[in-house]
Amino acid sequence: MLRFLTAAAAAALFAAPAMADNVYIELHSGYDGVTYAGNTYGGIAYGAGLGYEVTLGGKVYAAIEGNVDDSSSKSDFYGIKSGRDLSAVGKLGVGVTDNLSIYVLGGYANARLKGFGGSIDLDGARAGIGWRYDVGKAYIKTEFLYSNYELGFTRYQGMAGLGYKF
């Protein structure tokens, strides 16, 4: 998956100069809460994202985004540690002002959990809501994310990020 995201990023950045105007990259971090069998444990999530955004008309935009994250979340009760978290999501947003926009997102997530004598990769769905404030080509954002994985694992994240639009 990481190779796919890297190849997609390279293609988006170098395929055509006009496309580069819509590419963005970001770093993000925040609270990561994982729930399994009624037990919630938390930690810090951190990672990077790469996306491609298009204007649909007026102040409405859509984007696709890939993220690679890690987490310090660990359950003392079950001995489970959250590993890397990959996601591919679509966003639909609207500008509230010239610099401020709000958006919803949804897509695929894949989490790696370590414990029980090994590790396991779980597929799931991700949904969220966020806002972004543009400062020239740079931006800041916050998001609330919810992921529902196989085997009853769920994840709640409150993330903040810094990004740059090429």
Protein backbone atom coordinates (compact mmCIF):
# COMPACT_ATOMS: atom_id res chain seq x y z
CA MET A 1 0.00 0.00 0.00
CA LEU A 2 2.84 2.40 0.84
CA ARG A 3 4.41 1.71 -2.56
CA PHE A 4 1.08 2.45 -4.24
CA LEU A 5 0.72 5.77 -2.38
CA THR A 6 4.30 6.74 -3.24
CA ALA A 7 3.80 5.88 -6.91
CA ALA A 8 0.52 7.81 -7.03
CA ALA A 9 2.19 10.82 -5.43
CA ALA A 10 5.06 10.77 -7.90
CA ALA A 11 2.66 10.44 -10.84
CA ALA A 12 0.52 13.31 -9.57
CA LEU A 13 3.52 15.57 -9.00
CA PHE A 14 5.42 14.89 -12.22
CA ALA A 15 2.86 13.77 -14.82
CA ALA A 16 1.74 17.26 -15.83
CA PRO A 17 2.67 20.66 -14.38
CA ALA A 18 -0.97 21.78 -14.37
CA MET A 19 -1.90 18.87 -12.10
CA ALA A 20 0.61 19.98 -9.48
CA ASP A 21 -1.58 22.99 -8.66
CA ASN A 22 -4.05 20.62 -6.99
CA VAL A 23 -1.65 18.37 -5.05
CA TYR A 24 -1.18 18.81 -1.31
CA ILE A 25 0.94 17.20 1.37
CA GLU A 26 0.53 17.38 5.14
CA LEU A 27 1.77 16.28 8.54
CA HIS A 28 -0.77 15.59 11.27
CA SER A 29 -0.98 14.37 14.86
CA GLY A 30 -3.50 14.03 17.66
CA TYR A 31 -5.35 11.78 20.10
CA ASP A 32 -5.93 8.15 19.11
CA GLY A 33 -8.52 6.15 21.05
CA VAL A 34 -8.96 2.46 20.21
CA THR A 35 -11.87 0.39 21.58
CA TYR A 36 -12.11 -3.40 21.74
CA ALA A 37 -14.57 -5.45 23.79
CA GLY A 38 -15.62 -2.40 25.81
CA ASN A 39 -12.02 -1.46 26.72
CA THR A 40 -10.76 1.88 25.35
CA TYR A 41 -7.10 2.76 25.35
CA GLY A 42 -5.50 5.88 24.00
CA GLY A 43 -2.29 7.41 22.80
CA ILE A 44 -0.89 9.78 20.22
CA ALA A 45 -1.33 9.25 16.47
CA TYR A 46 1.03 10.89 14.00
CA GLY A 47 1.61 10.67 10.28
CA ALA A 48 1.53 12.20 6.82
CA GLY A 49 -1.00 12.59 4.05
CA LEU A 50 -0.92 13.21 0.32
CA GLY A 51 -3.93 14.37 -1.66
CA TYR A 52 -5.30 15.76 -4.89
CA GLU A 53 -8.08 18.38 -4.86
CA VAL A 54 -10.40 19.71 -7.57
CA THR A 55 -12.90 22.57 -7.51
CA LEU A 56 -16.39 21.43 -8.46
CA GLY A 57 -17.79 24.93 -8.84
CA GLY A 58 -18.01 28.01 -6.69
CA LYS A 59 -16.64 27.22 -3.25
CA VAL A 60 -17.34 23.45 -3.45
CA TYR A 61 -14.40 21.07 -3.79
CA ALA A 62 -13.64 17.35 -3.76
CA ALA A 63 -10.39 15.58 -2.91
CA ILE A 64 -8.85 12.15 -2.67
CA GLU A 65 -6.27 11.57 0.05
CA GLY A 66 -3.96 8.81 1.24
CA ASN A 67 -2.55 8.73 4.78
CA VAL A 68 0.17 6.74 6.51
CA ASP A 69 0.02 6.96 10.30
CA ASP A 70 1.39 5.31 13.42
CA SER A 71 0.22 5.39 17.03
CA SER A 72 1.45 5.01 20.58
CA SER A 73 -1.90 3.54 21.76
CA LYS A 74 -1.49 0.44 23.91
CA SER A 75 -3.90 -1.57 26.03
CA ASP A 76 -2.55 -2.73 29.38
CA PHE A 77 -5.58 -5.01 29.79
CA TYR A 78 -5.28 -6.93 26.51
CA GLY A 79 -1.60 -6.26 25.73
CA ILE A 80 -2.54 -4.90 22.29
CA LYS A 81 -0.55 -2.11 20.68
CA SER A 82 -1.82 -0.10 17.73
CA GLY A 83 0.56 -0.23 14.80
CA ARG A 84 0.49 1.58 11.50
CA ASP A 85 -2.78 2.83 10.06
CA LEU A 86 -3.28 3.31 6.31
CA SER A 87 -6.25 5.10 4.80
CA ALA A 88 -7.60 6.21 1.43
CA VAL A 89 -10.50 8.66 1.68
CA GLY A 90 -12.58 10.99 -0.43
CA LYS A 91 -13.45 14.48 0.80
CA LEU A 92 -16.27 16.84 -0.10
CA GLY A 93 -15.95 20.39 1.17
CA VAL A 94 -17.37 23.86 0.91
CA GLY A 95 -15.77 27.23 1.52
CA VAL A 96 -17.34 29.20 4.37
CA THR A 97 -15.11 32.24 3.75
CA ASP A 98 -12.24 32.86 1.33
CA ASN A 99 -9.82 31.07 3.70
CA LEU A 100 -12.02 28.74 5.80
CA SER A 101 -13.71 25.56 4.58
CA ILE A 102 -15.51 22.64 6.20
CA TYR A 103 -15.65 19.10 4.83
CA VAL A 104 -16.79 15.53 5.34
CA LEU A 105 -14.76 12.48 4.41
CA GLY A 106 -15.22 8.77 4.00
CA GLY A 107 -13.26 5.80 2.74
CA TYR A 108 -11.13 2.77 3.52
CA ALA A 109 -8.79 2.18 6.48
CA ASN A 110 -6.41 -0.64 7.33
CA ALA A 111 -4.97 -0.95 10.84
CA ARG A 112 -2.22 -3.19 12.15
CA LEU A 113 -2.58 -4.38 15.74
CA LYS A 114 0.27 -6.05 17.59
CA GLY A 115 -0.32 -8.50 20.40
CA PHE A 116 -1.57 -12.02 21.05
CA GLY A 117 1.88 -13.28 20.02
CA GLY A 118 1.96 -11.55 16.62
CA SER A 119 0.25 -8.92 14.54
CA ILE A 120 -2.94 -8.72 12.54
CA ASP A 121 -4.11 -6.36 9.78
CA LEU A 122 -7.76 -5.28 9.96
CA ASP A 123 -9.79 -3.73 7.15
CA GLY A 124 -12.38 -1.12 7.92
CA ALA A 125 -14.31 1.98 6.97
CA ARG A 126 -13.43 5.55 7.96
CA ALA A 127 -15.69 8.60 8.25
CA GLY A 128 -14.98 12.07 9.51
CA ILE A 129 -15.57 15.79 9.55
CA GLY A 130 -13.10 18.65 9.60
CA TRP A 131 -12.22 22.22 8.83
CA ARG A 132 -9.27 23.81 7.02
CA TYR A 133 -7.90 27.34 7.16
CA ASP A 134 -5.74 28.42 4.21
CA VAL A 135 -2.80 30.81 4.68
CA GLY A 136 -1.50 31.33 1.14
CA LYS A 137 -0.43 27.90 -0.12
CA ALA A 138 -0.11 26.58 3.43
CA TYR A 139 -3.01 25.47 5.63
CA ILE A 140 -3.93 24.27 9.09
CA LYS A 141 -6.72 21.81 9.81
CA THR A 142 -8.45 19.77 12.47
CA GLU A 143 -10.48 16.60 11.98
CA PHE A 144 -12.57 14.16 13.97
CA LEU A 145 -12.23 10.65 12.53
CA TYR A 146 -14.10 7.43 13.28
CA SER A 147 -12.94 4.04 11.95
CA ASN A 148 -14.77 0.73 12.30
CA TYR A 149 -12.59 -2.33 11.68
CA GLU A 150 -13.12 -6.07 11.53
CA LEU A 151 -13.38 -8.14 14.74
CA GLY A 152 -15.08 -5.33 16.69
CA PHE A 153 -12.19 -2.84 16.81
CA THR A 154 -13.07 0.86 16.51
CA ARG A 155 -10.93 3.98 16.53
CA TYR A 156 -11.73 7.61 17.38
CA GLN A 157 -9.19 10.28 16.50
CA GLY A 158 -8.97 14.02 17.01
CA MET A 159 -6.25 15.24 14.64
CA ALA A 160 -4.59 18.57 13.85
CA GLY A 161 -2.41 19.12 10.80
CA LEU A 162 -0.22 21.44 8.80
CA GLY A 163 -0.10 21.21 5.04
CA TYR A 164 1.10 22.78 1.82
CA LYS A 165 -0.67 22.99 -1.56
CA PHE A 166 1.61 22.89 -4.62
